């Protein structure tokens, strides 16, 4: 990889907001990472229990946190804020609570033998602002139902407000009718969350911005791009060698915004024709990638069919290296085989969806969005807009 010691030739964000993030860049060491101890009580739910982070626990290989901002620890008696974790991604919930200086709320979640869900709050939330961290990642139906029951439990416990923090919003791809007699499941799920009793939704990188309009309650749309941009800036890639690539026409807007913040890098587009769900055929490349470092940007990677075929095309067109960047790593089979086949120099994702140990591979880098979500929770609780320039992209109006 070409690099340069001169700041003028390395990646330089054109946004003042993102330049500010570099001041807080601090990777987590692989060992002896000092973090607050957070806990949740998830019992008999048929899933691995929540492990308490300790000073001796090793982190995920190549795990990176882009900025070091910590609040002073506070006790529950000093605030009317409560954060509870579902069973979908307890590690991210712990990181959010650690950033906020809070302990996770005490909650009991279990499943009966017939699959029915049981949720009980083990502490009072009367008059509190309650935030429930639960992505609706696979198994999507179970995690969605768990979120709905958690919302109902909080509403019946007289919580002042209930906010569903959904790092990954399942069914987001079913946001329109491509053919006759199709359902728009994204709108259906939005209705379910609203009717369950949620007062607000805090979601990260929805598949399309129009999904915000499906909710009849306020939605804060958090973007994970600053985390990925800050990490790429740390790699000191020569700016003149960069090109940002959209894997399809639908992602051009996302890729254009990404490219503008990478020293206004040039943009390339892959023309893709889809013949069915999870089936894609790459047809052509619009733009020049010869001899350049290509950064492919998408909101999620599912089976990796689109992005791997796109990477093969980029190499065929002369790209020197190919990076894959996405917020949500769904990683349905055979995604791991495709991503680890040697087409990608590095695959950069965030931890909105937990990645199992067997799905890790040498080229994979996991970034944390806990600081972004934690700050967004504080600002919603404090009725504070995202005016502070480092967090101006939080979607808090």
Protein backbone atom coordinates (compact mmCIF):
# COMPACT_ATOMS: atom_id res chain seq x y z
CA UNK A 1 0.00 0.00 0.00
CA UNK A 2 1.32 3.37 -0.92
CA UNK A 3 1.71 5.72 2.02
CA UNK A 4 3.16 9.09 2.74
CA UNK A 5 4.46 10.86 5.81
CA UNK A 6 3.22 14.19 4.51
CA UNK A 7 -0.17 15.23 5.82
CA UNK A 8 -0.95 16.93 2.52
CA UNK A 9 -0.83 13.67 0.58
CA UNK A 10 -2.63 11.47 3.09
CA UNK A 11 -6.36 11.21 3.62
CA UNK A 12 -7.66 14.56 4.79
CA UNK A 13 -11.32 14.96 5.66
CA UNK A 14 -12.88 17.98 4.01
CA UNK A 15 -15.41 18.22 6.87
CA UNK A 16 -14.39 20.09 10.03
CA UNK A 17 -16.52 17.65 11.98
CA UNK A 18 -14.51 14.64 10.92
CA UNK A 19 -11.17 16.38 11.32
CA UNK A 20 -12.13 16.78 14.97
CA UNK A 21 -12.61 13.03 15.40
CA UNK A 22 -8.94 12.33 14.73
CA UNK A 23 -8.01 14.06 17.98
CA UNK A 24 -9.75 11.28 19.87
CA UNK A 25 -8.37 8.37 17.88
CA UNK A 26 -7.26 5.68 20.31
CA UNK A 27 -7.16 1.98 19.39
CA UNK A 28 -8.03 -0.48 22.15
CA UNK A 29 -4.99 -2.59 23.08
CA UNK A 30 -5.27 -6.30 22.48
CA UNK A 31 -4.64 -7.13 26.12
CA UNK A 32 -5.23 -5.55 29.49
CA UNK A 33 -7.91 -3.23 28.11
CA UNK A 34 -9.29 -1.13 30.97
CA UNK A 35 -13.08 -0.82 30.72
CA UNK A 36 -15.86 -0.41 33.25
CA UNK A 37 -17.62 -3.54 34.46
CA UNK A 38 -21.19 -3.73 33.16
CA UNK A 39 -23.64 -6.57 33.64
CA UNK A 40 -27.06 -7.81 32.61
CA UNK A 41 -29.10 -10.71 33.87
CA UNK A 42 -30.20 -12.81 30.89
CA UNK A 43 -31.43 -16.17 32.12
CA UNK A 44 -32.54 -19.35 30.38
CA UNK A 45 -32.88 -17.71 27.01
CA UNK A 46 -31.23 -20.45 25.05
CA UNK A 47 -28.31 -18.17 24.10
CA UNK A 48 -24.83 -17.64 25.56
CA UNK A 49 -24.93 -15.52 28.70
CA UNK A 50 -23.50 -12.05 28.94
CA UNK A 51 -19.84 -12.06 29.90
CA UNK A 52 -18.61 -9.29 32.16
CA UNK A 53 -15.77 -7.29 30.63
CA UNK A 54 -12.77 -7.24 32.96
CA UNK A 55 -9.34 -5.69 32.85
CA UNK A 56 -7.83 -9.05 31.90
CA UNK A 57 -10.22 -9.91 29.07
CA UNK A 58 -8.82 -9.92 25.56
CA UNK A 59 -10.73 -8.02 22.92
CA UNK A 60 -11.65 -9.24 19.45
CA UNK A 61 -8.60 -9.30 17.16
CA UNK A 62 -8.12 -6.02 15.26
CA UNK A 63 -10.95 -4.38 17.20
CA UNK A 64 -10.71 -0.62 16.94
CA UNK A 65 -12.40 2.24 18.77
CA UNK A 66 -11.87 5.52 16.88
CA UNK A 67 -12.03 7.97 19.75
CA UNK A 68 -11.57 7.92 23.48
CA UNK A 69 -14.37 9.88 25.13
CA UNK A 70 -15.50 8.66 28.55
CA UNK A 71 -17.97 10.15 30.97
CA UNK A 72 -17.48 10.02 34.72
CA UNK A 73 -19.26 7.04 36.32
CA UNK A 74 -22.57 7.92 37.93
CA UNK A 75 -25.03 6.01 40.09
CA UNK A 76 -28.62 5.23 39.14
CA UNK A 77 -29.85 7.44 41.97
CA UNK A 78 -28.32 10.47 40.22
CA UNK A 79 -30.24 10.13 36.95
CA UNK A 80 -33.64 9.06 35.62
CA UNK A 81 -31.94 7.24 32.76
CA UNK A 82 -32.01 3.47 32.40
CA UNK A 83 -30.33 1.34 29.71
CA UNK A 84 -31.38 -2.29 29.28
CA UNK A 85 -29.91 -4.91 26.97
CA UNK A 86 -31.71 -7.56 24.99
CA UNK A 87 -30.03 -10.86 24.18
CA UNK A 88 -29.21 -10.04 20.53
CA UNK A 89 -25.99 -8.06 21.09
CA UNK A 90 -25.16 -7.82 24.82
CA UNK A 91 -21.50 -6.96 24.18
CA UNK A 92 -22.41 -3.76 22.33
CA UNK A 93 -24.87 -2.89 25.11
CA UNK A 94 -22.08 -3.28 27.66
CA UNK A 95 -19.80 -0.98 25.65
CA UNK A 96 -22.54 1.65 25.40
CA UNK A 97 -23.11 1.52 29.16
CA UNK A 98 -19.38 1.70 29.82
CA UNK A 99 -19.04 4.81 27.66
CA UNK A 100 -21.96 6.41 29.50
CA UNK A 101 -20.56 5.50 32.92
CA UNK A 102 -23.69 3.50 33.76
CA UNK A 103 -24.50 -0.06 34.75
CA UNK A 104 -26.90 -1.91 32.51
CA UNK A 105 -30.36 -2.32 33.98
CA UNK A 106 -31.28 -5.59 35.65
CA UNK A 107 -33.59 -7.53 33.36
CA UNK A 108 -34.67 -11.17 33.14
CA UNK A 109 -35.24 -12.62 29.66
CA UNK A 110 -36.05 -16.26 28.99
CA UNK A 111 -37.85 -18.47 26.52
CA UNK A 112 -40.27 -21.20 27.43
CA UNK A 113 -40.05 -24.67 25.92
CA UNK A 114 -42.60 -23.76 23.24
CA UNK A 115 -40.58 -20.71 22.19
CA UNK A 116 -42.67 -18.05 23.91
CA UNK A 117 -40.82 -15.03 25.30
CA UNK A 118 -40.78 -13.90 28.93
CA UNK A 119 -39.39 -10.52 30.06
CA UNK A 120 -39.31 -9.07 33.57
CA UNK A 121 -37.66 -5.82 34.68
CA UNK A 122 -35.92 -6.51 37.99
CA UNK A 123 -35.76 -2.86 39.04
CA UNK A 124 -38.14 0.11 39.04
CA UNK A 125 -38.32 2.32 35.95
CA UNK A 126 -41.24 4.48 37.08
CA UNK A 127 -40.79 7.98 35.69
CA UNK A 128 -37.52 7.07 33.91
CA UNK A 129 -36.31 7.50 30.36
CA UNK A 130 -35.70 3.87 29.33
CA UNK A 131 -33.48 2.86 26.39
CA UNK A 132 -33.66 -0.72 25.11
CA UNK A 133 -30.64 -1.86 23.06
CA UNK A 134 -31.74 -4.69 20.77
CA UNK A 135 -30.79 -5.10 17.10
CA UNK A 136 -33.22 -7.23 15.11
CA UNK A 137 -30.43 -9.26 13.54
CA UNK A 138 -30.65 -13.01 12.81
CA UNK A 139 -32.64 -14.76 14.13
CA UNK A 140 -34.66 -11.70 13.13
CA UNK A 141 -38.11 -12.88 14.18
CA UNK A 142 -37.01 -13.96 17.66
CA UNK A 143 -35.06 -10.78 18.32
CA UNK A 144 -37.89 -8.59 17.00
CA UNK A 145 -40.43 -10.33 19.25
CA UNK A 146 -38.08 -9.96 22.20
CA UNK A 147 -37.83 -6.22 21.53
CA UNK A 148 -41.62 -5.88 21.39
CA UNK A 149 -42.08 -7.72 24.69
CA UNK A 150 -39.36 -5.59 26.32
CA UNK A 151 -41.12 -2.40 25.16
CA UNK A 152 -44.43 -3.67 26.54
CA UNK A 153 -42.83 -4.55 29.88
CA UNK A 154 -41.38 -1.03 30.21
CA UNK A 155 -44.66 0.64 29.28
CA UNK A 156 -46.57 -1.42 31.86
CA UNK A 157 -43.90 -0.57 34.46
CA UNK A 158 -44.81 3.14 34.09
CA UNK A 159 -41.65 4.27 32.33
CA UNK A 160 -41.79 7.94 31.37
CA UNK A 161 -40.47 7.27 27.84
CA UNK A 162 -39.33 4.12 26.03
CA UNK A 163 -36.72 4.40 23.26
CA UNK A 164 -35.90 1.40 21.09
CA UNK A 165 -32.19 1.52 20.25
CA UNK A 166 -31.94 -0.65 17.13
CA UNK A 167 -28.33 -0.74 15.84
CA UNK A 168 -29.48 -2.99 12.98
CA UNK A 169 -33.08 -2.72 11.77
CA UNK A 170 -34.19 -6.04 10.30
CA UNK A 171 -36.61 -6.15 7.37
CA UNK A 172 -35.20 -2.78 6.25
CA UNK A 173 -34.63 -4.08 2.72
CA UNK A 174 -38.36 -4.73 2.28
CA UNK A 175 -38.99 -0.98 2.02
CA UNK A 176 -40.82 -0.79 -1.33
CA UNK A 177 -42.71 -2.86 -3.89
CA UNK A 178 -40.48 -4.03 -6.72
CA UNK A 179 -43.14 -6.37 -8.07
CA UNK A 180 -46.87 -6.79 -7.72
CA UNK A 181 -48.42 -8.39 -4.62
CA UNK A 182 -45.33 -7.85 -2.43
CA UNK A 183 -45.46 -6.77 1.19
CA UNK A 184 -43.64 -3.74 2.57
CA UNK A 185 -42.39 -5.46 5.71
CA UNK A 186 -40.36 -2.46 6.87
CA UNK A 187 -43.57 -0.49 7.38
CA UNK A 188 -45.21 -3.45 9.14
CA UNK A 189 -42.32 -3.76 11.60
CA UNK A 190 -42.40 0.01 12.20
CA UNK A 191 -46.09 -0.27 13.07
CA UNK A 192 -45.41 -3.16 15.46
CA UNK A 193 -42.73 -1.22 17.34
CA UNK A 194 -44.98 1.84 17.58
CA UNK A 195 -48.03 -0.12 18.74
CA UNK A 196 -45.96 -1.98 21.34
CA UNK A 197 -45.48 1.35 23.08
CA UNK A 198 -42.14 2.81 21.93
CA UNK A 199 -41.95 6.61 22.09
CA UNK A 200 -38.84 6.93 19.92
CA UNK A 201 -36.52 4.84 17.75
CA UNK A 202 -32.77 5.28 17.54
CA UNK A 203 -31.47 3.34 14.51
CA UNK A 204 -28.10 3.05 12.81
CA UNK A 205 -27.65 3.24 9.01
CA UNK A 206 -31.08 2.27 7.72
CA UNK A 207 -31.10 0.64 4.30
CA UNK A 208 -32.86 3.68 2.85
CA UNK A 209 -33.73 7.05 4.32
CA UNK A 210 -37.39 6.62 3.42
CA UNK A 211 -37.74 4.05 6.21
CA UNK A 212 -37.70 6.91 8.73
CA UNK A 213 -41.09 7.95 7.36
CA UNK A 214 -42.59 4.54 8.11
CA UNK A 215 -42.63 5.35 11.83
CA UNK A 216 -45.33 7.50 13.42
CA UNK A 217 -42.94 8.35 16.26
CA UNK A 218 -39.63 10.31 16.23
CA UNK A 219 -36.67 8.50 14.67
CA UNK A 220 -33.01 9.45 15.14
CA UNK A 221 -31.01 8.06 12.24
CA UNK A 222 -27.39 7.55 13.34
CA UNK A 223 -24.71 7.14 10.65
CA UNK A 224 -21.71 4.88 11.24
CA UNK A 225 -19.62 6.51 8.50
CA UNK A 226 -17.54 8.70 10.86
CA UNK A 227 -16.23 5.58 12.60
CA UNK A 228 -15.10 3.99 9.31
CA UNK A 229 -13.73 7.28 7.96
CA UNK A 230 -11.65 7.83 11.06
CA UNK A 231 -10.19 4.34 10.78
CA UNK A 232 -9.30 4.83 7.11
CA UNK A 233 -7.63 8.13 7.99
CA UNK A 234 -5.42 6.28 10.46
CA UNK A 235 -4.10 4.11 7.62
CA UNK A 236 -2.54 7.14 5.89
CA UNK A 237 -3.41 6.04 2.36
CA UNK A 238 -2.21 8.52 -0.25
CA UNK A 239 -5.24 10.63 -1.19
CA UNK A 240 -4.43 10.73 -4.91
CA UNK A 241 -4.51 6.92 -5.00
CA UNK A 242 -8.03 6.63 -3.60
CA UNK A 243 -11.27 5.92 -5.41
CA UNK A 244 -14.60 5.22 -3.69
CA UNK A 245 -16.76 2.59 -5.37
CA UNK A 246 -20.51 2.10 -5.07
CA UNK A 247 -21.39 -1.59 -5.54
CA UNK A 248 -24.69 -0.65 -7.22
CA UNK A 249 -26.57 2.36 -8.53
CA UNK A 250 -28.81 2.49 -5.46
CA UNK A 251 -25.83 3.19 -3.20
CA UNK A 252 -24.44 6.11 -5.19
CA UNK A 253 -25.68 8.72 -2.72
CA UNK A 254 -24.02 6.94 0.20
CA UNK A 255 -20.76 6.48 -1.71
CA UNK A 256 -20.74 10.09 -2.92
CA UNK A 257 -21.08 11.40 0.65
CA UNK A 258 -18.32 9.00 1.74
CA UNK A 259 -16.01 10.11 -1.09
CA UNK A 260 -16.52 13.80 -0.33
CA UNK A 261 -15.18 13.26 3.18
CA UNK A 262 -12.15 11.34 1.87
CA UNK A 263 -10.41 14.38 0.37
CA UNK A 264 -13.20 14.56 -2.22
CA UNK A 265 -12.00 11.29 -3.76
CA UNK A 266 -13.24 10.28 -7.21
CA UNK A 267 -16.27 8.01 -7.49
CA UNK A 268 -16.79 4.82 -9.48
CA UNK A 269 -20.06 2.90 -9.92
CA UNK A 270 -20.65 -0.79 -10.61
CA UNK A 271 -23.60 -1.50 -12.90
CA UNK A 272 -25.36 -4.53 -11.45
CA UNK A 273 -28.32 -6.54 -12.70
CA UNK A 274 -30.17 -8.59 -10.08
CA UNK A 275 -32.04 -11.73 -11.14
CA UNK A 276 -33.48 -12.66 -7.74
CA UNK A 277 -33.01 -12.31 -4.00
CA UNK A 278 -29.32 -12.69 -3.07
CA UNK A 279 -28.53 -13.23 -6.76
CA UNK A 280 -26.58 -10.58 -8.62
CA UNK A 281 -24.62 -10.32 -11.86
CA UNK A 282 -22.04 -7.57 -12.33
CA UNK A 283 -22.20 -6.08 -15.81
CA UNK A 284 -19.97 -3.02 -16.13
CA UNK A 285 -17.83 -0.44 -14.31
CA UNK A 286 -18.37 3.30 -14.60
CA UNK A 287 -15.19 5.16 -13.67
CA UNK A 288 -11.43 4.60 -13.54
CA UNK A 289 -9.79 2.41 -10.88
CA UNK A 290 -6.55 1.43 -12.63
CA UNK A 291 -3.61 1.49 -10.22
CA UNK A 292 -5.78 2.88 -7.41
CA UNK A 293 -6.88 1.75 -3.95
CA UNK A 294 -10.60 1.05 -4.32
CA UNK A 295 -12.83 1.47 -1.25
CA UNK A 296 -16.20 -0.23 -1.73
CA UNK A 297 -18.93 1.24 0.51
CA UNK A 298 -22.28 -0.34 1.36
CA UNK A 299 -24.71 -0.36 4.28
CA UNK A 300 -24.58 -4.13 4.78
CA UNK A 301 -22.98 -7.36 3.61
CA UNK A 302 -25.30 -10.36 3.57
CA UNK A 303 -24.11 -13.25 1.38
CA UNK A 304 -21.33 -11.04 -0.08
CA UNK A 305 -22.31 -11.99 -3.63
CA UNK A 306 -22.62 -8.42 -4.87
CA UNK A 307 -19.49 -7.06 -3.21
CA UNK A 308 -17.27 -10.05 -4.11
CA UNK A 309 -18.26 -9.93 -7.78
CA UNK A 310 -17.66 -6.21 -7.70
CA UNK A 311 -14.20 -6.74 -6.21
CA UNK A 312 -13.35 -9.26 -8.92
CA UNK A 313 -14.36 -6.70 -11.54
CA UNK A 314 -12.24 -4.00 -9.87
CA UNK A 315 -9.17 -6.26 -9.91
CA UNK A 316 -9.86 -7.05 -13.56
CA UNK A 317 -9.96 -3.32 -14.28
CA UNK A 318 -6.55 -2.81 -12.65
CA UNK A 319 -7.28 -1.80 -9.05
CA UNK A 320 -4.22 -2.22 -6.84
CA UNK A 321 -6.07 -3.00 -3.62
CA UNK A 322 -9.73 -3.37 -2.70
CA UNK A 323 -11.25 -2.48 0.68
CA UNK A 324 -14.82 -3.42 1.63
CA UNK A 325 -16.57 -1.14 4.15
CA UNK A 326 -20.02 -1.66 5.62
CA UNK A 327 -21.93 -0.92 8.81
CA UNK A 328 -23.93 -4.15 9.18
CA UNK A 329 -22.22 -7.54 8.84
CA UNK A 330 -25.09 -9.99 8.37
CA UNK A 331 -22.67 -12.60 6.95
CA UNK A 332 -25.09 -15.26 5.72
CA UNK A 333 -23.39 -18.31 4.15
CA UNK A 334 -21.30 -18.36 2.01
CA UNK A 335 -20.21 -14.79 2.87
CA UNK A 336 -17.12 -15.79 4.87
CA UNK A 337 -15.73 -17.95 2.06
CA UNK A 338 -16.21 -15.13 -0.43
CA UNK A 339 -14.75 -12.40 1.76
CA UNK A 340 -11.69 -14.42 2.79
CA UNK A 341 -10.91 -15.63 -0.74
CA UNK A 342 -8.15 -13.03 -1.29
CA UNK A 343 -10.18 -10.48 -3.26
CA UNK A 344 -10.10 -7.96 -0.40
CA UNK A 345 -7.10 -6.36 1.25
CA UNK A 346 -9.30 -5.61 4.26
CA UNK A 347 -12.98 -5.95 5.20
CA UNK A 348 -14.04 -3.18 7.59
CA UNK A 349 -17.31 -3.53 9.50
CA UNK A 350 -18.90 -2.24 12.73
CA UNK A 351 -20.30 -4.16 15.68
CA UNK A 352 -24.00 -3.36 15.17
CA UNK A 353 -24.40 -7.12 14.62
CA UNK A 354 -22.34 -9.54 16.74
CA UNK A 355 -19.79 -11.53 14.77
CA UNK A 356 -19.19 -15.06 16.02
CA UNK A 357 -15.66 -16.34 16.47
CA UNK A 358 -16.00 -18.82 13.61
CA UNK A 359 -16.90 -15.97 11.24
CA UNK A 360 -13.68 -14.05 11.93
CA UNK A 361 -10.91 -14.16 9.33
CA UNK A 362 -7.52 -12.39 8.99
CA UNK A 363 -8.74 -9.58 6.73
CA UNK A 364 -11.63 -8.63 9.04
CA UNK A 365 -11.56 -5.44 11.13
CA UNK A 366 -14.40 -4.65 13.55
CA UNK A 367 -15.05 -1.05 14.62
CA UNK A 368 -17.17 -0.01 17.59
CA UNK A 369 -20.19 2.31 17.31
CA UNK A 370 -20.76 2.27 21.08
CA UNK A 371 -19.52 5.85 21.53
CA UNK A 372 -21.85 7.18 18.84
CA UNK A 373 -24.88 5.37 20.23
CA UNK A 374 -23.99 6.23 23.81
CA UNK A 375 -23.67 9.93 23.01
CA UNK A 376 -26.94 9.85 21.08
CA UNK A 377 -28.69 8.31 24.10
CA UNK A 378 -27.34 11.02 26.38
CA UNK A 379 -28.46 13.77 24.01
CA UNK A 380 -31.97 12.35 23.67
CA UNK A 381 -32.21 12.05 27.46
CA UNK A 382 -30.86 15.59 28.00
CA UNK A 383 -33.00 17.09 25.20
CA UNK A 384 -29.78 18.30 23.62
CA UNK A 385 -29.31 18.75 19.87
CA UNK A 386 -26.21 17.43 18.09
CA UNK A 387 -24.56 20.84 17.85
CA UNK A 388 -21.18 19.75 19.21
CA UNK A 389 -19.22 19.37 15.98
CA UNK A 390 -17.73 15.95 16.76
CA UNK A 391 -21.22 14.47 17.12
CA UNK A 392 -23.10 16.63 14.62
CA UNK A 393 -23.96 13.55 12.55
CA UNK A 394 -25.98 11.88 15.30
CA UNK A 395 -29.32 12.87 13.81
CA UNK A 396 -30.45 14.58 17.02
CA UNK A 397 -32.40 17.63 15.89
